[in-house]
Amino acid sequence: MPVASQTAWQGIFTHGHLEKGQAILIHGGAGAVGAYAVQLASHAGATVIATASGDDDAYLKSIGAAGLSIIDRRSSRRFCGEKSMWSSTWSVATHRSGRSSC
């Protein structure tokens, strides 16, 4: 098993306890670990929201990221702390991990 896939598995299931029907935000969704994370979470029945460059939109959709839930990492808009679907998803993720990057 590649190290990238094992890292994604541990982050999502061992530490994150992702379950079917939940939403997950994956930063760097087109990268090595991120691409595995997108596929694993999608296969598990989660709604996958991913950050990446806009150029990776088609690739992310092809591996399981939700069609309208790809955030261009080069955008100047910040999602942390905003009152929206993004902040509530992030709140769940940071509540479980106990830390936030905002």
N, C-alpha and C. Protein backbone atom coordinates (compact mmCIF):
# COMPACT_ATOMS: atom_id res chain seq x y z
N MET A 1 0.85 -1.17 0.00
CA MET A 1 0.00 0.00 0.00
C MET A 1 0.90 1.24 0.00
N PRO A 2 0.68 2.15 -0.95
CA PRO A 2 1.49 3.38 -0.99
C PRO A 2 1.31 4.21 0.30
N VAL A 3 2.37 4.88 0.68
CA VAL A 3 2.34 5.71 1.89
C VAL A 3 1.26 6.78 1.79
N ALA A 4 1.06 7.36 0.61
CA ALA A 4 0.04 8.40 0.44
C ALA A 4 -1.35 7.87 0.74
N SER A 5 -1.65 6.67 0.29
CA SER A 5 -2.99 6.11 0.54
C SER A 5 -3.17 5.75 2.01
N GLN A 6 -2.12 5.26 2.63
CA GLN A 6 -2.20 4.94 4.06
C GLN A 6 -2.38 6.22 4.89
N THR A 7 -1.71 7.27 4.51
CA THR A 7 -1.85 8.56 5.19
C THR A 7 -3.28 9.07 5.07
N ALA A 8 -3.84 8.98 3.87
CA ALA A 8 -5.22 9.43 3.65
C ALA A 8 -6.18 8.58 4.48
N TRP A 9 -6.01 7.28 4.47
CA TRP A 9 -6.88 6.38 5.24
C TRP A 9 -6.85 6.73 6.72
N GLN A 10 -5.66 6.88 7.26
CA GLN A 10 -5.54 7.18 8.69
C GLN A 10 -6.19 8.51 9.04
N GLY A 11 -5.98 9.52 8.21
CA GLY A 11 -6.56 10.83 8.48
C GLY A 11 -8.08 10.82 8.43
N ILE A 12 -8.62 10.10 7.46
CA ILE A 12 -10.07 10.10 7.26
C ILE A 12 -10.79 9.17 8.23
N PHE A 13 -10.31 7.95 8.34
CA PHE A 13 -11.05 6.93 9.10
C PHE A 13 -10.50 6.67 10.50
N THR A 14 -9.19 6.56 10.64
CA THR A 14 -8.61 6.27 11.96
C THR A 14 -8.76 7.45 12.90
N HIS A 15 -8.44 8.65 12.41
CA HIS A 15 -8.49 9.84 13.27
C HIS A 15 -9.77 10.65 13.08
N GLY A 16 -10.27 10.72 11.84
CA GLY A 16 -11.44 11.55 11.54
C GLY A 16 -12.77 10.85 11.72
N HIS A 17 -12.77 9.53 11.75
CA HIS A 17 -13.99 8.73 11.96
C HIS A 17 -15.10 9.09 10.98
N LEU A 18 -14.74 9.28 9.70
CA LEU A 18 -15.71 9.63 8.68
C LEU A 18 -16.73 8.51 8.50
N GLU A 19 -18.00 8.90 8.36
CA GLU A 19 -19.07 7.94 8.16
C GLU A 19 -19.89 8.32 6.93
N LYS A 20 -20.59 7.35 6.39
CA LYS A 20 -21.45 7.56 5.23
C LYS A 20 -22.44 8.70 5.51
N GLY A 21 -22.61 9.58 4.53
CA GLY A 21 -23.54 10.68 4.65
C GLY A 21 -22.94 11.97 5.20
N GLN A 22 -21.74 11.91 5.74
CA GLN A 22 -21.09 13.12 6.25
C GLN A 22 -20.42 13.87 5.10
N ALA A 23 -20.08 15.12 5.34
CA ALA A 23 -19.34 15.93 4.38
C ALA A 23 -17.91 16.06 4.88
N ILE A 24 -16.97 16.11 3.95
CA ILE A 24 -15.57 16.25 4.31
C ILE A 24 -14.92 17.29 3.40
N LEU A 25 -14.07 18.13 3.99
CA LEU A 25 -13.30 19.12 3.24
C LEU A 25 -11.87 18.59 3.15
N ILE A 26 -11.39 18.41 1.93
CA ILE A 26 -10.04 17.90 1.72
C ILE A 26 -9.22 18.98 1.04
N HIS A 27 -8.20 19.46 1.73
CA HIS A 27 -7.30 20.46 1.15
C HIS A 27 -6.28 19.75 0.28
N GLY A 28 -5.95 20.35 -0.85
CA GLY A 28 -4.98 19.74 -1.75
C GLY A 28 -5.51 18.47 -2.39
N GLY A 29 -6.76 18.51 -2.83
CA GLY A 29 -7.43 17.32 -3.34
C GLY A 29 -6.79 16.70 -4.57
N ALA A 30 -6.00 17.44 -5.31
CA ALA A 30 -5.37 16.89 -6.51
C ALA A 30 -3.95 16.40 -6.24
N GLY A 31 -3.47 16.57 -5.02
CA GLY A 31 -2.14 16.09 -4.66
C GLY A 31 -2.13 14.60 -4.37
N ALA A 32 -0.99 14.07 -4.01
CA ALA A 32 -0.84 12.63 -3.78
C ALA A 32 -1.78 12.12 -2.68
N VAL A 33 -1.67 12.67 -1.48
CA VAL A 33 -2.51 12.23 -0.37
C VAL A 33 -3.95 12.68 -0.60
N GLY A 34 -4.13 13.90 -1.07
CA GLY A 34 -5.46 14.43 -1.30
C GLY A 34 -6.26 13.63 -2.30
N ALA A 35 -5.65 13.19 -3.38
CA ALA A 35 -6.36 12.41 -4.40
C ALA A 35 -6.83 11.08 -3.82
N TYR A 36 -5.99 10.43 -3.01
CA TYR A 36 -6.43 9.21 -2.34
C TYR A 36 -7.57 9.52 -1.37
N ALA A 37 -7.45 10.62 -0.66
CA ALA A 37 -8.48 10.99 0.32
C ALA A 37 -9.83 11.23 -0.37
N VAL A 38 -9.80 11.93 -1.51
CA VAL A 38 -11.04 12.18 -2.26
C VAL A 38 -11.67 10.85 -2.65
N GLN A 39 -10.89 9.94 -3.20
CA GLN A 39 -11.43 8.66 -3.65
C GLN A 39 -11.95 7.80 -2.49
N LEU A 40 -11.20 7.74 -1.40
CA LEU A 40 -11.61 6.93 -0.26
C LEU A 40 -12.90 7.48 0.37
N ALA A 41 -12.96 8.80 0.54
CA ALA A 41 -14.14 9.41 1.15
C ALA A 41 -15.36 9.27 0.25
N SER A 42 -15.17 9.44 -1.05
CA SER A 42 -16.27 9.29 -1.99
C SER A 42 -16.78 7.85 -1.98
N HIS A 43 -15.87 6.91 -1.98
CA HIS A 43 -16.25 5.49 -1.94
C HIS A 43 -16.99 5.14 -0.65
N ALA A 44 -16.67 5.83 0.43
CA ALA A 44 -17.32 5.58 1.72
C ALA A 44 -18.70 6.23 1.81
N GLY A 45 -19.10 6.99 0.79
CA GLY A 45 -20.43 7.59 0.78
C GLY A 45 -20.50 8.98 1.36
N ALA A 46 -19.36 9.66 1.47
CA ALA A 46 -19.34 11.03 1.99
C ALA A 46 -19.48 12.02 0.85
N THR A 47 -19.94 13.22 1.17
CA THR A 47 -19.92 14.33 0.22
C THR A 47 -18.54 14.94 0.31
N VAL A 48 -17.82 14.96 -0.80
CA VAL A 48 -16.43 15.42 -0.81
C VAL A 48 -16.34 16.83 -1.35
N ILE A 49 -15.76 17.71 -0.56
CA ILE A 49 -15.47 19.09 -0.94
C ILE A 49 -13.95 19.19 -0.94
N ALA A 50 -13.38 19.68 -2.04
CA ALA A 50 -11.92 19.68 -2.16
C ALA A 50 -11.41 21.05 -2.56
N THR A 51 -10.21 21.38 -2.09
CA THR A 51 -9.52 22.57 -2.56
C THR A 51 -8.42 22.12 -3.51
N ALA A 52 -8.20 22.90 -4.54
CA ALA A 52 -7.16 22.64 -5.53
C ALA A 52 -7.13 23.84 -6.46
N SER A 53 -6.25 23.82 -7.44
CA SER A 53 -6.29 24.90 -8.42
C SER A 53 -7.47 24.64 -9.34
N GLY A 54 -8.00 25.68 -9.92
CA GLY A 54 -9.14 25.54 -10.82
C GLY A 54 -8.84 24.64 -12.01
N ASP A 55 -7.56 24.52 -12.37
CA ASP A 55 -7.16 23.66 -13.48
C ASP A 55 -7.43 22.18 -13.20
N ASP A 56 -7.57 21.82 -11.93
CA ASP A 56 -7.77 20.42 -11.55
C ASP A 56 -9.24 20.05 -11.38
N ASP A 57 -10.13 20.94 -11.78
CA ASP A 57 -11.57 20.73 -11.61
C ASP A 57 -12.06 19.42 -12.22
N ALA A 58 -11.75 19.18 -13.49
CA ALA A 58 -12.22 17.97 -14.17
C ALA A 58 -11.63 16.71 -13.53
N TYR A 59 -10.36 16.77 -13.17
CA TYR A 59 -9.72 15.62 -12.52
C TYR A 59 -10.40 15.29 -11.20
N LEU A 60 -10.66 16.30 -10.38
CA LEU A 60 -11.29 16.06 -9.08
C LEU A 60 -12.70 15.49 -9.24
N LYS A 61 -13.44 15.98 -10.19
CA LYS A 61 -14.78 15.44 -10.45
C LYS A 61 -14.68 13.98 -10.86
N SER A 62 -13.67 13.64 -11.66
CA SER A 62 -13.53 12.27 -12.16
C SER A 62 -13.18 11.27 -11.06
N ILE A 63 -12.58 11.75 -9.97
CA ILE A 63 -12.21 10.82 -8.89
C ILE A 63 -13.16 10.89 -7.69
N GLY A 64 -14.22 11.71 -7.79
CA GLY A 64 -15.24 11.65 -6.75
C GLY A 64 -15.59 12.91 -6.00
N ALA A 65 -14.95 14.04 -6.29
CA ALA A 65 -15.33 15.29 -5.62
C ALA A 65 -16.68 15.74 -6.17
N ALA A 66 -17.52 16.27 -5.31
CA ALA A 66 -18.86 16.73 -5.73
C ALA A 66 -18.72 17.81 -6.80
N GLY A 67 -19.60 17.77 -7.77
CA GLY A 67 -19.53 18.65 -8.94
C GLY A 67 -19.35 20.12 -8.66
N LEU A 68 -20.08 20.68 -7.71
CA LEU A 68 -20.00 22.12 -7.46
C LEU A 68 -19.28 22.42 -6.15
N SER A 69 -18.50 21.48 -5.66
CA SER A 69 -17.87 21.67 -4.36
C SER A 69 -16.35 21.67 -4.44
N ILE A 70 -15.82 22.24 -5.51
CA ILE A 70 -14.38 22.35 -5.65
C ILE A 70 -14.01 23.82 -5.47
N ILE A 71 -13.14 24.08 -4.53
CA ILE A 71 -12.74 25.45 -4.19
C ILE A 71 -11.38 25.71 -4.80
N ASP A 72 -11.28 26.75 -5.63
CA ASP A 72 -10.00 27.10 -6.25
C ASP A 72 -9.07 27.67 -5.19
N ARG A 73 -7.97 27.00 -4.95
CA ARG A 73 -7.04 27.42 -3.89
C ARG A 73 -6.38 28.76 -4.18
N ARG A 74 -6.42 29.20 -5.43
CA ARG A 74 -5.82 30.48 -5.79
C ARG A 74 -6.77 31.65 -5.60
N SER A 75 -8.01 31.36 -5.24
CA SER A 75 -9.00 32.40 -5.03
C SER A 75 -8.64 33.19 -3.77
N SER A 76 -8.94 34.47 -3.76
CA SER A 76 -8.63 35.29 -2.58
C SER A 76 -9.68 35.16 -1.49
N ARG A 77 -10.80 34.49 -1.78
CA ARG A 77 -11.88 34.38 -0.80
C ARG A 77 -11.51 33.39 0.30
N ARG A 78 -11.76 33.76 1.53
CA ARG A 78 -11.51 32.88 2.67
C ARG A 78 -12.83 32.28 3.12
N PHE A 79 -12.81 31.03 3.51
CA PHE A 79 -14.03 30.37 3.96
C PHE A 79 -14.07 30.20 5.47
N CYS A 80 -12.94 30.30 6.13
CA CYS A 80 -12.91 30.09 7.58
C CYS A 80 -13.66 31.21 8.29
N GLY A 81 -14.56 30.83 9.18
CA GLY A 81 -15.28 31.80 9.98
C GLY A 81 -16.49 32.41 9.31
N GLU A 82 -16.71 32.13 8.04
CA GLU A 82 -17.89 32.66 7.37
C GLU A 82 -19.11 31.85 7.77
N LYS A 83 -20.24 32.50 7.81
CA LYS A 83 -21.50 31.82 8.13
C LYS A 83 -22.04 31.20 6.85
N SER A 84 -21.65 29.99 6.59
CA SER A 84 -22.08 29.31 5.38
C SER A 84 -21.93 27.81 5.56
N MET A 85 -22.23 27.05 4.51
CA MET A 85 -22.04 25.61 4.55
C MET A 85 -20.59 25.28 4.85
N TRP A 86 -19.66 26.08 4.32
CA TRP A 86 -18.24 25.79 4.49
C TRP A 86 -17.83 25.88 5.95
N SER A 87 -18.27 26.92 6.66
CA SER A 87 -17.84 27.07 8.05
C SER A 87 -18.45 25.99 8.93
N SER A 88 -19.68 25.55 8.63
CA SER A 88 -20.27 24.50 9.46
C SER A 88 -19.56 23.18 9.21
N THR A 89 -19.17 22.91 7.95
CA THR A 89 -18.40 21.71 7.66
C THR A 89 -17.06 21.77 8.36
N TRP A 90 -16.41 22.93 8.28
CA TRP A 90 -15.10 23.11 8.92
C TRP A 90 -15.22 22.98 10.43
N SER A 91 -16.30 23.50 11.01
CA SER A 91 -16.48 23.41 12.46
C SER A 91 -16.54 21.97 12.93
N VAL A 92 -17.21 21.11 12.16
CA VAL A 92 -17.27 19.69 12.52
C VAL A 92 -15.88 19.09 12.48
N ALA A 93 -15.13 19.41 11.43
CA ALA A 93 -13.79 18.84 11.28
C ALA A 93 -12.85 19.33 12.38
N THR A 94 -12.89 20.62 12.71
CA THR A 94 -11.98 21.14 13.72
C THR A 94 -12.42 20.74 15.12
N HIS A 95 -13.73 20.52 15.30
CA HIS A 95 -14.21 20.07 16.61
C HIS A 95 -13.62 18.71 16.93
N ARG A 96 -13.58 17.86 15.93
CA ARG A 96 -13.03 16.51 16.14
C ARG A 96 -11.53 16.54 16.36
N SER A 97 -10.82 17.37 15.60
CA SER A 97 -9.37 17.38 15.70
C SER A 97 -8.86 18.25 16.83
N GLY A 98 -9.69 19.21 17.26
CA GLY A 98 -9.29 20.11 18.34
C GLY A 98 -8.45 21.27 17.90
N ARG A 99 -8.26 21.44 16.58
CA ARG A 99 -7.44 22.57 16.11
C ARG A 99 -7.98 23.08 14.78
N SER A 100 -7.63 24.29 14.46
CA SER A 100 -8.07 24.92 13.22
C SER A 100 -6.91 25.67 12.59
N SER A 101 -6.92 25.77 11.26
CA SER A 101 -5.86 26.52 10.59
C SER A 101 -6.26 27.97 10.37
N CYS A 102 -7.43 28.39 10.86
CA CYS A 102 -7.90 29.77 10.67
C CYS A 102 -7.36 30.68 11.75
